[in-house]
N, C-alpha and C. Protein backbone atom coordinates (compact mmCIF):
# COMPACT_ATOMS: atom_id res chain seq x y z
N UNK A 1 128.00 127.62 75.74
CA UNK A 1 127.46 127.71 77.09
C UNK A 1 125.95 127.52 77.05
N UNK A 2 125.47 126.65 77.91
CA UNK A 2 124.03 126.36 77.96
C UNK A 2 123.31 127.45 78.74
N UNK A 3 122.17 127.82 78.23
CA UNK A 3 121.34 128.79 78.95
C UNK A 3 120.39 128.02 79.85
N UNK A 4 120.20 128.48 81.06
CA UNK A 4 119.26 127.77 81.94
C UNK A 4 117.83 127.91 81.40
N UNK A 5 117.08 126.87 81.62
CA UNK A 5 115.68 126.87 81.19
C UNK A 5 114.88 127.76 82.11
N UNK A 6 114.11 128.65 81.51
CA UNK A 6 113.27 129.54 82.32
C UNK A 6 111.92 128.86 82.53
N UNK A 7 111.56 128.73 83.77
CA UNK A 7 110.27 128.15 84.11
C UNK A 7 109.28 129.27 84.39
N UNK A 8 108.08 129.06 83.96
CA UNK A 8 107.04 130.04 84.23
C UNK A 8 106.09 129.49 85.27
N UNK A 9 105.55 130.37 86.03
CA UNK A 9 104.58 129.97 87.05
C UNK A 9 103.24 129.75 86.38
N UNK A 10 102.55 128.76 86.87
CA UNK A 10 101.22 128.47 86.35
C UNK A 10 100.18 129.00 87.32
N UNK A 11 99.07 129.43 86.78
CA UNK A 11 97.98 129.94 87.62
C UNK A 11 97.25 128.77 88.27
N UNK A 12 96.43 129.09 89.27
CA UNK A 12 95.64 128.06 89.94
C UNK A 12 94.74 127.34 88.94
N UNK A 13 94.18 128.09 88.02
CA UNK A 13 93.29 127.51 87.02
C UNK A 13 94.05 126.52 86.13
N UNK A 14 95.27 126.88 85.72
CA UNK A 14 96.09 126.00 84.89
C UNK A 14 96.48 124.74 85.66
N UNK A 15 96.82 124.91 86.93
CA UNK A 15 97.23 123.78 87.76
C UNK A 15 96.07 122.81 87.93
N UNK A 16 94.90 123.34 88.23
CA UNK A 16 93.73 122.47 88.41
C UNK A 16 93.37 121.77 87.10
N UNK A 17 93.56 122.46 85.98
CA UNK A 17 93.30 121.82 84.68
C UNK A 17 94.27 120.68 84.45
N UNK A 18 95.54 120.88 84.78
CA UNK A 18 96.53 119.79 84.64
C UNK A 18 96.20 118.62 85.56
N UNK A 19 95.78 118.91 86.78
CA UNK A 19 95.40 117.84 87.71
C UNK A 19 94.23 117.03 87.17
N UNK A 20 93.27 117.71 86.57
CA UNK A 20 92.11 117.03 86.00
C UNK A 20 92.52 116.18 84.80
N UNK A 21 93.38 116.74 83.95
CA UNK A 21 93.85 115.99 82.78
C UNK A 21 94.58 114.73 83.21
N UNK A 22 95.44 114.85 84.21
CA UNK A 22 96.20 113.69 84.67
C UNK A 22 95.27 112.64 85.26
N UNK A 23 94.27 113.08 85.99
CA UNK A 23 93.34 112.14 86.62
C UNK A 23 92.57 111.35 85.57
N UNK A 24 92.23 111.99 84.45
CA UNK A 24 91.44 111.33 83.42
C UNK A 24 92.29 110.57 82.41
N UNK A 25 93.59 110.82 82.39
CA UNK A 25 94.45 110.16 81.40
C UNK A 25 94.85 108.77 81.87
N UNK A 26 95.28 107.97 80.91
CA UNK A 26 95.75 106.62 81.21
C UNK A 26 97.26 106.58 81.40
N UNK A 27 97.89 107.74 81.36
CA UNK A 27 99.35 107.80 81.51
C UNK A 27 99.76 107.61 82.95
N UNK A 28 100.96 107.08 83.12
CA UNK A 28 101.51 107.01 84.47
C UNK A 28 101.88 108.42 84.90
N UNK A 29 102.04 108.60 86.18
CA UNK A 29 102.39 109.92 86.70
C UNK A 29 103.73 110.39 86.15
N UNK A 30 104.69 109.47 86.06
CA UNK A 30 106.01 109.81 85.55
C UNK A 30 105.93 110.28 84.10
N UNK A 31 105.19 109.54 83.27
CA UNK A 31 105.06 109.91 81.86
C UNK A 31 104.34 111.24 81.71
N UNK A 32 103.29 111.45 82.49
CA UNK A 32 102.55 112.71 82.43
C UNK A 32 103.46 113.89 82.80
N UNK A 33 104.24 113.73 83.85
CA UNK A 33 105.13 114.81 84.28
C UNK A 33 106.21 115.09 83.25
N UNK A 34 106.71 114.07 82.57
CA UNK A 34 107.72 114.28 81.53
C UNK A 34 107.13 115.03 80.35
N UNK A 35 105.91 114.68 79.95
CA UNK A 35 105.27 115.35 78.82
C UNK A 35 105.03 116.82 79.10
N UNK A 36 104.57 117.12 80.31
CA UNK A 36 104.22 118.51 80.67
C UNK A 36 105.36 119.25 81.36
N UNK A 37 106.53 118.60 81.44
CA UNK A 37 107.73 119.20 82.01
C UNK A 37 107.48 119.71 83.44
N UNK A 38 106.98 118.79 84.26
CA UNK A 38 106.70 119.08 85.66
C UNK A 38 107.50 118.09 86.50
N UNK A 39 108.13 118.56 87.53
CA UNK A 39 108.81 117.65 88.44
C UNK A 39 107.75 116.90 89.25
N UNK A 40 108.01 115.62 89.54
CA UNK A 40 107.02 114.82 90.28
C UNK A 40 106.71 115.43 91.64
N UNK A 41 107.71 115.95 92.33
CA UNK A 41 107.45 116.56 93.64
C UNK A 41 106.57 117.78 93.51
N UNK A 42 106.78 118.55 92.44
CA UNK A 42 105.93 119.71 92.19
C UNK A 42 104.49 119.27 91.98
N UNK A 43 104.32 118.19 91.21
CA UNK A 43 102.97 117.68 90.96
C UNK A 43 102.30 117.26 92.27
N UNK A 44 103.04 116.55 93.12
CA UNK A 44 102.47 116.12 94.40
C UNK A 44 102.12 117.33 95.28
N UNK A 45 102.96 118.36 95.26
CA UNK A 45 102.65 119.57 96.02
C UNK A 45 101.38 120.22 95.49
N UNK A 46 101.26 120.30 94.16
CA UNK A 46 100.06 120.88 93.56
C UNK A 46 98.83 120.08 93.97
N UNK A 47 98.95 118.76 93.91
CA UNK A 47 97.80 117.92 94.22
C UNK A 47 97.36 118.09 95.67
N UNK A 48 98.32 118.26 96.58
CA UNK A 48 97.92 118.44 97.97
C UNK A 48 97.37 119.84 98.22
N UNK A 49 97.87 120.83 97.48
CA UNK A 49 97.43 122.20 97.70
C UNK A 49 96.17 122.54 96.91
N UNK A 50 96.14 122.16 95.64
CA UNK A 50 95.02 122.53 94.76
C UNK A 50 94.18 121.33 94.37
N UNK A 51 94.35 120.22 95.05
CA UNK A 51 93.71 118.97 94.68
C UNK A 51 92.22 119.09 94.48
N UNK A 52 91.71 118.16 93.71
CA UNK A 52 90.29 118.20 93.38
C UNK A 52 89.41 117.85 94.57
N UNK A 53 89.98 117.23 95.60
CA UNK A 53 89.17 116.92 96.76
C UNK A 53 88.67 118.19 97.43
N UNK A 54 89.44 119.26 97.38
CA UNK A 54 89.02 120.49 98.03
C UNK A 54 87.84 121.13 97.30
N UNK A 55 87.68 120.78 96.00
CA UNK A 55 86.56 121.33 95.24
C UNK A 55 85.25 120.64 95.57
N UNK A 56 85.34 119.45 96.14
CA UNK A 56 84.14 118.70 96.45
C UNK A 56 83.63 119.08 97.83
N UNK A 57 82.60 119.86 97.85
CA UNK A 57 82.01 120.22 99.12
C UNK A 57 80.93 119.19 99.44
N UNK A 58 80.81 118.80 100.68
CA UNK A 58 79.80 117.81 101.00
C UNK A 58 78.41 118.35 100.74
N UNK A 59 77.61 117.53 100.10
CA UNK A 59 76.24 117.93 99.81
C UNK A 59 75.31 117.07 100.66
N UNK A 60 74.45 117.72 101.38
CA UNK A 60 73.55 117.02 102.27
C UNK A 60 72.15 117.03 101.68
N UNK A 61 71.51 115.90 101.76
CA UNK A 61 70.15 115.77 101.29
C UNK A 61 69.26 115.68 102.52
N UNK A 62 68.36 116.62 102.69
CA UNK A 62 67.54 116.59 103.89
C UNK A 62 66.60 115.39 103.88
N UNK A 63 66.46 114.78 105.03
CA UNK A 63 65.56 113.64 105.21
C UNK A 63 64.47 114.07 106.16
N UNK A 64 63.24 113.93 105.71
CA UNK A 64 62.11 114.30 106.56
C UNK A 64 61.60 113.06 107.26
N UNK A 65 61.56 113.13 108.55
CA UNK A 65 61.10 112.01 109.37
C UNK A 65 59.82 112.42 110.07
N UNK A 66 58.99 111.43 110.30
CA UNK A 66 57.77 111.70 111.06
C UNK A 66 58.16 112.01 112.50
N UNK A 67 57.61 113.09 113.03
CA UNK A 67 57.95 113.48 114.39
C UNK A 67 57.32 112.55 115.43
N UNK A 68 56.31 111.79 115.00
CA UNK A 68 55.66 110.89 115.94
C UNK A 68 56.59 109.75 116.36
N UNK A 69 57.46 109.34 115.46
CA UNK A 69 58.39 108.26 115.77
C UNK A 69 59.64 108.86 116.41
N UNK A 70 60.04 108.31 117.51
CA UNK A 70 61.24 108.82 118.18
C UNK A 70 62.50 108.21 117.60
N UNK A 71 62.46 106.91 117.24
CA UNK A 71 63.61 106.24 116.66
C UNK A 71 63.16 105.55 115.37
N UNK A 72 63.37 106.19 114.23
CA UNK A 72 62.91 105.59 112.98
C UNK A 72 63.71 104.32 112.65
N UNK A 73 63.04 103.39 112.00
CA UNK A 73 63.69 102.14 111.63
C UNK A 73 64.49 102.35 110.34
N UNK A 74 65.66 101.79 110.31
CA UNK A 74 66.53 101.90 109.14
C UNK A 74 66.01 100.97 108.06
N UNK A 75 65.73 101.53 106.87
CA UNK A 75 65.20 100.74 105.76
C UNK A 75 66.33 100.10 104.97
N UNK A 76 67.39 100.87 104.71
CA UNK A 76 68.51 100.36 103.94
C UNK A 76 69.71 101.27 104.07
N UNK A 77 70.85 100.75 103.64
CA UNK A 77 72.08 101.52 103.73
C UNK A 77 72.90 101.24 102.47
N UNK A 78 73.43 102.29 101.84
CA UNK A 78 74.23 102.17 100.63
C UNK A 78 75.58 102.81 100.89
N UNK A 79 76.65 102.08 100.56
CA UNK A 79 78.00 102.66 100.67
C UNK A 79 78.56 102.80 99.26
N UNK A 80 78.89 104.03 98.88
CA UNK A 80 79.44 104.31 97.56
C UNK A 80 80.95 104.09 97.59
N UNK A 81 81.58 103.93 96.40
CA UNK A 81 83.03 103.72 96.34
C UNK A 81 83.82 104.85 97.00
N UNK A 82 83.26 106.03 97.09
CA UNK A 82 83.95 107.16 97.71
C UNK A 82 83.81 107.13 99.23
N UNK A 83 83.32 106.02 99.76
CA UNK A 83 83.14 105.80 101.20
C UNK A 83 82.05 106.67 101.81
N UNK A 84 81.16 107.15 100.99
CA UNK A 84 80.01 107.91 101.48
C UNK A 84 78.90 106.90 101.77
N UNK A 85 78.34 107.00 102.94
CA UNK A 85 77.28 106.08 103.34
C UNK A 85 75.96 106.85 103.36
N UNK A 86 74.96 106.29 102.69
CA UNK A 86 73.63 106.88 102.66
C UNK A 86 72.70 105.92 103.38
N UNK A 87 72.05 106.42 104.40
CA UNK A 87 71.09 105.61 105.15
C UNK A 87 69.68 106.02 104.73
N UNK A 88 68.90 105.03 104.40
CA UNK A 88 67.54 105.27 103.95
C UNK A 88 66.57 104.82 105.03
N UNK A 89 65.60 105.67 105.30
CA UNK A 89 64.61 105.36 106.31
C UNK A 89 63.24 105.08 105.70
N UNK A 90 63.20 105.11 104.37
CA UNK A 90 61.98 104.76 103.67
C UNK A 90 62.37 104.32 102.27
N UNK A 91 61.48 103.69 101.57
CA UNK A 91 61.76 103.22 100.22
C UNK A 91 61.84 104.43 99.29
N UNK A 92 62.86 104.42 98.41
CA UNK A 92 63.04 105.52 97.46
C UNK A 92 63.10 104.94 96.06
N UNK A 93 62.87 105.81 95.08
CA UNK A 93 62.92 105.42 93.68
C UNK A 93 64.38 105.20 93.27
N UNK A 94 64.62 104.25 92.37
CA UNK A 94 65.98 103.96 91.92
C UNK A 94 66.61 105.15 91.20
N UNK A 95 65.81 105.95 90.51
CA UNK A 95 66.35 107.11 89.80
C UNK A 95 66.94 108.12 90.79
N UNK A 96 66.38 108.19 91.98
CA UNK A 96 66.92 109.10 93.00
C UNK A 96 68.31 108.66 93.43
N UNK A 97 68.49 107.34 93.60
CA UNK A 97 69.79 106.81 93.98
C UNK A 97 70.79 107.03 92.85
N UNK A 98 70.37 106.83 91.59
CA UNK A 98 71.26 107.06 90.45
C UNK A 98 71.67 108.52 90.36
N UNK A 99 70.82 109.43 90.80
CA UNK A 99 71.16 110.85 90.74
C UNK A 99 72.28 111.20 91.72
N UNK A 100 72.52 110.35 92.71
CA UNK A 100 73.61 110.58 93.67
C UNK A 100 74.96 110.19 93.09
N UNK A 101 74.96 109.34 92.08
CA UNK A 101 76.21 108.87 91.50
C UNK A 101 76.82 109.95 90.61
N UNK A 102 78.18 109.99 90.58
CA UNK A 102 78.83 111.03 89.73
C UNK A 102 78.67 110.73 88.27
């Protein structure tokens, strides 16, 4: 007679670690789930509940504008792959823009 497999619950920290590992690995989702003995639906539920997107809080960089100008002229606009748009109203150093990249 076969004994049923006992599954243990994973903590939030363990789940987030697994999500990070899967994101950085070159394995397909199916292969990753087989290796770690996770059902694909469980993985999708974890990703929606504990996903890494929730850890990313929006960070705002204050822009100081001259109060004398009522409508400042747009100097440039950068759209990052994460669909974040940065509007520049003055020339900035390239190292500042690089500091915005992950």
